[in-house]
Amino acid sequence: MVKIAERLRALRKERNLRQADVAKLLGIGVRTYQYYEGDDHRPDYEMLIALADFFGVTTDYLLGRSDVRRPCEKE
């Protein structure tokens, strides 16, 4: 099963963003975002939704429960 940290890292790199860029755009500390990508901490459900919205994917995709990025896509 894919971990949220792997998905976050991949999505960020697809957009050519730095961790600091994502953190600033989400209004969180850089270290907090680094914890998410490092699998040291997991986001609460509100942040999970914010991350999914920011990257344009479903929460199930972020959590590794699905490989479908958006609801309209098929596996």
C-alpha atoms as a PDB file:
ATOM      1  CA  MET A   1       0.000   0.000   0.000  1.00  0.00           C
ATOM      2  CA  VAL A   2       1.261   3.429  -0.940  1.00  0.00           C
ATOM      3  CA  LYS A   3       1.842   5.819   1.950  1.00  0.00           C
ATOM      4  CA  ILE A   4       0.521   9.358   2.074  1.00  0.00           C
ATOM      5  CA  ALA A   5       4.106  10.627   2.334  1.00  0.00           C
ATOM      6  CA  GLU A   6       4.976   9.065  -1.034  1.00  0.00           C
ATOM      7  CA  ARG A   7       1.889  10.506  -2.685  1.00  0.00           C
ATOM      8  CA  LEU A   8       2.523  13.990  -1.298  1.00  0.00           C
ATOM      9  CA  ARG A   9       6.149  13.963  -2.445  1.00  0.00           C
ATOM     10  CA  ALA A  10       5.217  12.779  -5.938  1.00  0.00           C
ATOM     11  CA  LEU A  11       2.407  15.315  -6.337  1.00  0.00           C
ATOM     12  CA  ARG A  12       4.623  18.159  -5.156  1.00  0.00           C
ATOM     13  CA  LYS A  13       7.405  17.193  -7.549  1.00  0.00           C
ATOM     14  CA  GLU A  14       4.954  16.954 -10.469  1.00  0.00           C
ATOM     15  CA  ARG A  15       4.203  20.620  -9.899  1.00  0.00           C
ATOM     16  CA  ASN A  16       7.887  21.521  -9.491  1.00  0.00           C
ATOM     17  CA  LEU A  17       7.258  22.977  -6.040  1.00  0.00           C
ATOM     18  CA  ARG A  18       9.497  23.056  -3.008  1.00  0.00           C
ATOM     19  CA  GLN A  19       8.250  21.923   0.368  1.00  0.00           C
ATOM     20  CA  ALA A  20       8.405  25.551   1.483  1.00  0.00           C
ATOM     21  CA  ASP A  21       6.163  26.562  -1.434  1.00  0.00           C
ATOM     22  CA  VAL A  22       3.468  24.053  -0.500  1.00  0.00           C
ATOM     23  CA  ALA A  23       3.662  24.969   3.177  1.00  0.00           C
ATOM     24  CA  LYS A  24       3.270  28.676   2.403  1.00  0.00           C
ATOM     25  CA  LEU A  25       0.347  28.108   0.056  1.00  0.00           C
ATOM     26  CA  LEU A  26      -1.398  25.966   2.682  1.00  0.00           C
ATOM     27  CA  GLY A  27      -0.626  28.367   5.514  1.00  0.00           C
ATOM     28  CA  ILE A  28       1.355  25.862   7.575  1.00  0.00           C
ATOM     29  CA  GLY A  29       4.931  25.700   8.765  1.00  0.00           C
ATOM     30  CA  VAL A  30       7.585  24.218   6.524  1.00  0.00           C
ATOM     31  CA  ARG A  31       8.568  21.740   9.228  1.00  0.00           C
ATOM     32  CA  THR A  32       4.959  20.587   9.543  1.00  0.00           C
ATOM     33  CA  TYR A  33       4.810  19.824   5.827  1.00  0.00           C
ATOM     34  CA  GLN A  34       8.205  18.130   5.997  1.00  0.00           C
ATOM     35  CA  TYR A  35       6.818  15.874   8.730  1.00  0.00           C
ATOM     36  CA  TYR A  36       3.990  14.847   6.392  1.00  0.00           C
ATOM     37  CA  GLU A  37       6.362  13.992   3.543  1.00  0.00           C
ATOM     38  CA  GLY A  38       8.757  12.283   5.907  1.00  0.00           C
ATOM     39  CA  ASP A  39       5.954  10.107   7.299  1.00  0.00           C
ATOM     40  CA  ASP A  40       6.806  11.401  10.780  1.00  0.00           C
ATOM     41  CA  HIS A  41       3.321  12.870  11.328  1.00  0.00           C
ATOM     42  CA  ARG A  42       0.014  12.442   9.592  1.00  0.00           C
ATOM     43  CA  PRO A  43      -2.261  15.359   8.767  1.00  0.00           C
ATOM     44  CA  ASP A  44      -5.555  15.692  10.624  1.00  0.00           C
ATOM     45  CA  TYR A  45      -8.678  15.300   8.528  1.00  0.00           C
ATOM     46  CA  GLU A  46      -9.036  19.039   7.858  1.00  0.00           C
ATOM     47  CA  MET A  47      -5.478  19.235   6.537  1.00  0.00           C
ATOM     48  CA  LEU A  48      -6.001  16.020   4.568  1.00  0.00           C
ATOM     49  CA  ILE A  49      -8.916  17.689   2.793  1.00  0.00           C
ATOM     50  CA  ALA A  50      -6.866  20.864   2.218  1.00  0.00           C
ATOM     51  CA  LEU A  51      -4.012  18.817   0.744  1.00  0.00           C
ATOM     52  CA  ALA A  52      -6.379  16.890  -1.518  1.00  0.00           C
ATOM     53  CA  ASP A  53      -7.995  20.121  -2.714  1.00  0.00           C
ATOM     54  CA  PHE A  54      -4.620  21.769  -3.255  1.00  0.00           C
ATOM     55  CA  PHE A  55      -3.293  18.904  -5.370  1.00  0.00           C
ATOM     56  CA  GLY A  56      -6.635  18.254  -7.094  1.00  0.00           C
ATOM     57  CA  VAL A  57      -6.956  14.649  -5.957  1.00  0.00           C
ATOM     58  CA  THR A  58      -9.271  12.651  -3.726  1.00  0.00           C
ATOM     59  CA  THR A  59      -8.507  11.937  -0.103  1.00  0.00           C
ATOM     60  CA  ASP A  60      -8.636   8.221  -0.933  1.00  0.00           C
ATOM     61  CA  TYR A  61      -5.863   8.779  -3.474  1.00  0.00           C
ATOM     62  CA  LEU A  62      -3.719  10.594  -0.897  1.00  0.00           C
ATOM     63  CA  LEU A  63      -4.298   7.843   1.645  1.00  0.00           C
ATOM     64  CA  GLY A  64      -3.323   5.142  -0.841  1.00  0.00           C
ATOM     65  CA  ARG A  65      -6.804   3.596  -0.783  1.00  0.00           C
ATOM     66  CA  SER A  66      -7.272   4.187  -4.506  1.00  0.00           C
ATOM     67  CA  ASP A  67      -5.158   4.852  -7.569  1.00  0.00           C
ATOM     68  CA  VAL A  68      -7.871   7.093  -9.005  1.00  0.00           C
ATOM     69  CA  ARG A  69      -6.808  10.692  -8.596  1.00  0.00           C
ATOM     70  CA  ARG A  70     -10.171  12.279  -9.306  1.00  0.00           C
ATOM     71  CA  PRO A  71     -13.699  10.902  -8.925  1.00  0.00           C
ATOM     72  CA  CYS A  72     -14.414  11.095 -12.657  1.00  0.00           C
ATOM     73  CA  GLU A  73     -11.458   8.801 -13.518  1.00  0.00           C
ATOM     74  CA  LYS A  74     -11.684   5.031 -13.698  1.00  0.00           C
ATOM     75  CA  GLU A  75      -9.141   2.629 -12.242  1.00  0.00           C
END
